[in-house]
Amino acid sequence: MTVVTDDAPVTDAPVTEEPDTRRLDELLDDLYHGQERISQADIYRRAVAAQLPAQLLTRIAALPEGTYGVDEVADMLGGSVI
């Protein structure tokens, strides 16, 4: 005899690991040295050149076009302002 229940099996949610933000913090520190605001395109180009992880590159690419201060970018991308 088979028992049927309305309870769905419980599974753990997939763990998505956040990327290490040290490389992002280093990039932002280097980018904003002596600069107040930088365009999204410039941030993306430098991030690609620095070979940041794909997950961070995707986040940067998703930023609306415009210029950003270091605190704005750090807040949106999950980095910390150095």
N, C-alpha and C. Protein backbone atom coordinates (compact mmCIF):
# COMPACT_ATOMS: atom_id res chain seq x y z
N MET A 1 0.83 -1.17 0.00
CA MET A 1 0.00 0.00 0.00
C MET A 1 0.89 1.25 0.00
N THR A 2 0.59 2.20 -0.87
CA THR A 2 1.35 3.43 -0.97
C THR A 2 0.65 4.53 -0.19
N VAL A 3 1.44 5.28 0.57
CA VAL A 3 0.90 6.38 1.36
C VAL A 3 1.14 7.67 0.58
N VAL A 4 0.08 8.44 0.40
CA VAL A 4 0.17 9.71 -0.30
C VAL A 4 -0.12 10.82 0.70
N THR A 5 0.75 11.84 0.70
CA THR A 5 0.53 12.98 1.61
C THR A 5 0.53 14.27 0.80
N ASP A 6 0.02 15.30 1.41
CA ASP A 6 0.02 16.62 0.78
C ASP A 6 1.31 17.38 1.05
N ASP A 7 2.16 16.82 1.88
CA ASP A 7 3.39 17.50 2.25
C ASP A 7 4.45 17.30 1.17
N ALA A 8 4.95 18.41 0.67
CA ALA A 8 6.03 18.34 -0.31
C ALA A 8 7.33 18.07 0.43
N PRO A 9 8.25 17.35 -0.18
CA PRO A 9 9.53 17.10 0.49
C PRO A 9 10.28 18.42 0.70
N VAL A 10 10.93 18.51 1.83
CA VAL A 10 11.68 19.72 2.18
C VAL A 10 13.12 19.51 1.75
N THR A 11 13.61 20.46 0.98
CA THR A 11 15.00 20.41 0.55
C THR A 11 15.66 21.72 0.93
N ASP A 12 16.93 21.65 1.09
CA ASP A 12 17.68 22.86 1.38
C ASP A 12 17.75 23.73 0.15
N ALA A 13 17.65 25.04 0.37
CA ALA A 13 17.79 25.99 -0.74
C ALA A 13 19.23 25.96 -1.21
N PRO A 14 19.46 26.12 -2.49
CA PRO A 14 20.84 26.13 -2.97
C PRO A 14 21.62 27.27 -2.34
N VAL A 15 22.83 27.00 -1.99
CA VAL A 15 23.68 28.01 -1.37
C VAL A 15 24.39 28.77 -2.48
N THR A 16 24.15 30.06 -2.53
CA THR A 16 24.86 30.89 -3.50
C THR A 16 25.93 31.64 -2.73
N GLU A 17 27.12 31.42 -3.12
CA GLU A 17 28.22 32.02 -2.41
C GLU A 17 28.49 33.42 -2.95
N GLU A 18 28.57 34.37 -2.04
CA GLU A 18 28.90 35.73 -2.45
C GLU A 18 30.37 35.78 -2.83
N PRO A 19 30.71 36.52 -3.87
CA PRO A 19 32.11 36.60 -4.26
C PRO A 19 32.93 37.34 -3.21
N ASP A 20 34.18 37.01 -3.15
CA ASP A 20 35.11 37.70 -2.25
C ASP A 20 35.20 39.15 -2.70
N THR A 21 34.89 40.07 -1.82
CA THR A 21 34.84 41.48 -2.23
C THR A 21 36.18 42.19 -2.09
N ARG A 22 37.21 41.50 -1.63
CA ARG A 22 38.52 42.16 -1.50
C ARG A 22 39.01 42.70 -2.83
N ARG A 23 38.86 41.90 -3.88
CA ARG A 23 39.32 42.35 -5.20
C ARG A 23 38.51 43.56 -5.67
N LEU A 24 37.21 43.55 -5.38
CA LEU A 24 36.37 44.70 -5.73
C LEU A 24 36.82 45.93 -4.95
N ASP A 25 37.06 45.77 -3.67
CA ASP A 25 37.51 46.89 -2.84
C ASP A 25 38.84 47.46 -3.34
N GLU A 26 39.75 46.57 -3.72
CA GLU A 26 41.04 47.02 -4.25
C GLU A 26 40.86 47.78 -5.57
N LEU A 27 39.97 47.27 -6.42
CA LEU A 27 39.69 47.94 -7.70
C LEU A 27 39.12 49.33 -7.45
N LEU A 28 38.13 49.42 -6.56
CA LEU A 28 37.50 50.71 -6.29
C LEU A 28 38.50 51.69 -5.68
N ASP A 29 39.35 51.20 -4.79
CA ASP A 29 40.36 52.06 -4.19
C ASP A 29 41.29 52.61 -5.26
N ASP A 30 41.70 51.76 -6.19
CA ASP A 30 42.58 52.17 -7.27
C ASP A 30 41.87 53.13 -8.24
N LEU A 31 40.63 52.79 -8.61
CA LEU A 31 39.86 53.61 -9.54
C LEU A 31 39.60 55.01 -9.02
N TYR A 32 39.22 55.10 -7.77
CA TYR A 32 38.78 56.38 -7.22
C TYR A 32 39.91 57.18 -6.58
N HIS A 33 41.14 56.71 -6.69
CA HIS A 33 42.27 57.47 -6.15
C HIS A 33 42.37 58.81 -6.90
N GLY A 34 42.02 59.88 -6.24
CA GLY A 34 42.05 61.21 -6.86
C GLY A 34 40.85 61.52 -7.73
N GLN A 35 39.85 60.66 -7.77
CA GLN A 35 38.65 60.87 -8.58
C GLN A 35 37.42 60.91 -7.69
N GLU A 36 36.49 61.78 -8.00
CA GLU A 36 35.23 61.84 -7.24
C GLU A 36 34.17 60.93 -7.82
N ARG A 37 34.03 60.96 -9.15
CA ARG A 37 32.98 60.18 -9.82
C ARG A 37 33.58 59.52 -11.05
N ILE A 38 33.09 58.31 -11.33
CA ILE A 38 33.57 57.55 -12.49
C ILE A 38 32.37 56.93 -13.18
N SER A 39 32.43 56.86 -14.51
CA SER A 39 31.30 56.32 -15.27
C SER A 39 31.20 54.81 -15.10
N GLN A 40 29.99 54.32 -15.30
CA GLN A 40 29.74 52.88 -15.23
C GLN A 40 30.60 52.15 -16.25
N ALA A 41 30.72 52.72 -17.45
CA ALA A 41 31.51 52.09 -18.51
C ALA A 41 32.98 51.97 -18.12
N ASP A 42 33.54 53.01 -17.50
CA ASP A 42 34.94 52.96 -17.06
C ASP A 42 35.13 51.94 -15.95
N ILE A 43 34.19 51.88 -15.03
CA ILE A 43 34.26 50.90 -13.94
C ILE A 43 34.25 49.49 -14.53
N TYR A 44 33.35 49.25 -15.49
CA TYR A 44 33.23 47.93 -16.11
C TYR A 44 34.52 47.56 -16.85
N ARG A 45 35.05 48.50 -17.64
CA ARG A 45 36.28 48.21 -18.40
C ARG A 45 37.43 47.83 -17.46
N ARG A 46 37.57 48.58 -16.39
CA ARG A 46 38.65 48.29 -15.43
C ARG A 46 38.41 46.98 -14.69
N ALA A 47 37.16 46.66 -14.42
CA ALA A 47 36.84 45.40 -13.75
C ALA A 47 37.17 44.21 -14.64
N VAL A 48 36.88 44.34 -15.94
CA VAL A 48 37.22 43.27 -16.89
C VAL A 48 38.74 43.12 -16.95
N ALA A 49 39.45 44.24 -17.05
CA ALA A 49 40.91 44.19 -17.11
C ALA A 49 41.51 43.57 -15.84
N ALA A 50 40.86 43.80 -14.71
CA ALA A 50 41.33 43.24 -13.44
C ALA A 50 40.89 41.80 -13.24
N GLN A 51 40.14 41.26 -14.21
CA GLN A 51 39.66 39.89 -14.20
C GLN A 51 38.85 39.56 -12.94
N LEU A 52 37.93 40.46 -12.61
CA LEU A 52 37.04 40.20 -11.49
C LEU A 52 36.13 39.03 -11.83
N PRO A 53 35.58 38.35 -10.83
CA PRO A 53 34.70 37.21 -11.10
C PRO A 53 33.47 37.62 -11.91
N ALA A 54 32.96 36.67 -12.67
CA ALA A 54 31.83 36.93 -13.56
C ALA A 54 30.62 37.49 -12.81
N GLN A 55 30.38 37.03 -11.60
CA GLN A 55 29.24 37.52 -10.83
C GLN A 55 29.35 39.02 -10.56
N LEU A 56 30.55 39.50 -10.26
CA LEU A 56 30.74 40.94 -10.04
C LEU A 56 30.65 41.70 -11.36
N LEU A 57 31.20 41.13 -12.42
CA LEU A 57 31.10 41.80 -13.73
C LEU A 57 29.65 41.95 -14.14
N THR A 58 28.84 40.96 -13.85
CA THR A 58 27.41 41.03 -14.18
C THR A 58 26.74 42.15 -13.39
N ARG A 59 27.09 42.27 -12.13
CA ARG A 59 26.51 43.35 -11.30
C ARG A 59 26.91 44.72 -11.83
N ILE A 60 28.19 44.86 -12.20
CA ILE A 60 28.66 46.14 -12.73
C ILE A 60 27.98 46.46 -14.05
N ALA A 61 27.85 45.47 -14.90
CA ALA A 61 27.20 45.68 -16.19
C ALA A 61 25.74 46.08 -16.02
N ALA A 62 25.12 45.65 -14.93
CA ALA A 62 23.71 45.95 -14.69
C ALA A 62 23.48 47.35 -14.13
N LEU A 63 24.55 48.03 -13.73
CA LEU A 63 24.39 49.39 -13.22
C LEU A 63 23.88 50.29 -14.34
N PRO A 64 22.95 51.19 -14.04
CA PRO A 64 22.51 52.14 -15.07
C PRO A 64 23.68 53.02 -15.51
N GLU A 65 23.64 53.44 -16.76
CA GLU A 65 24.68 54.34 -17.26
C GLU A 65 24.68 55.60 -16.43
N GLY A 66 25.85 56.16 -16.25
CA GLY A 66 25.98 57.38 -15.47
C GLY A 66 27.29 57.35 -14.72
N THR A 67 27.47 58.35 -13.87
CA THR A 67 28.68 58.40 -13.06
C THR A 67 28.32 58.13 -11.61
N TYR A 68 29.28 57.56 -10.90
CA TYR A 68 29.06 57.13 -9.53
C TYR A 68 30.22 57.54 -8.64
N GLY A 69 29.88 57.89 -7.41
CA GLY A 69 30.88 58.08 -6.37
C GLY A 69 31.22 56.72 -5.79
N VAL A 70 32.36 56.64 -5.13
CA VAL A 70 32.82 55.36 -4.60
C VAL A 70 31.84 54.76 -3.59
N ASP A 71 31.22 55.60 -2.79
CA ASP A 71 30.27 55.06 -1.80
C ASP A 71 29.03 54.48 -2.46
N GLU A 72 28.58 55.11 -3.54
CA GLU A 72 27.42 54.60 -4.27
C GLU A 72 27.72 53.23 -4.88
N VAL A 73 28.86 53.12 -5.54
CA VAL A 73 29.23 51.87 -6.19
C VAL A 73 29.43 50.77 -5.16
N ALA A 74 30.10 51.08 -4.07
CA ALA A 74 30.33 50.08 -3.03
C ALA A 74 29.01 49.57 -2.46
N ASP A 75 28.06 50.48 -2.24
CA ASP A 75 26.75 50.07 -1.73
C ASP A 75 26.02 49.16 -2.71
N MET A 76 26.07 49.49 -3.99
CA MET A 76 25.33 48.72 -5.00
C MET A 76 25.97 47.38 -5.32
N LEU A 77 27.29 47.31 -5.19
CA LEU A 77 27.99 46.09 -5.58
C LEU A 77 28.38 45.20 -4.40
N GLY A 78 28.19 45.70 -3.20
CA GLY A 78 28.51 44.87 -2.03
C GLY A 78 29.93 45.02 -1.54
N GLY A 79 30.63 46.02 -1.98
CA GLY A 79 31.98 46.24 -1.49
C GLY A 79 31.95 47.12 -0.27
N SER A 80 33.10 47.42 0.25
CA SER A 80 33.20 48.33 1.38
C SER A 80 34.10 49.49 0.98
N VAL A 81 33.73 50.66 1.40
CA VAL A 81 34.53 51.84 1.08
C VAL A 81 35.76 51.83 1.95
N ILE A 82 36.90 51.89 1.29
CA ILE A 82 38.18 51.84 2.03
C ILE A 82 38.58 53.23 2.46
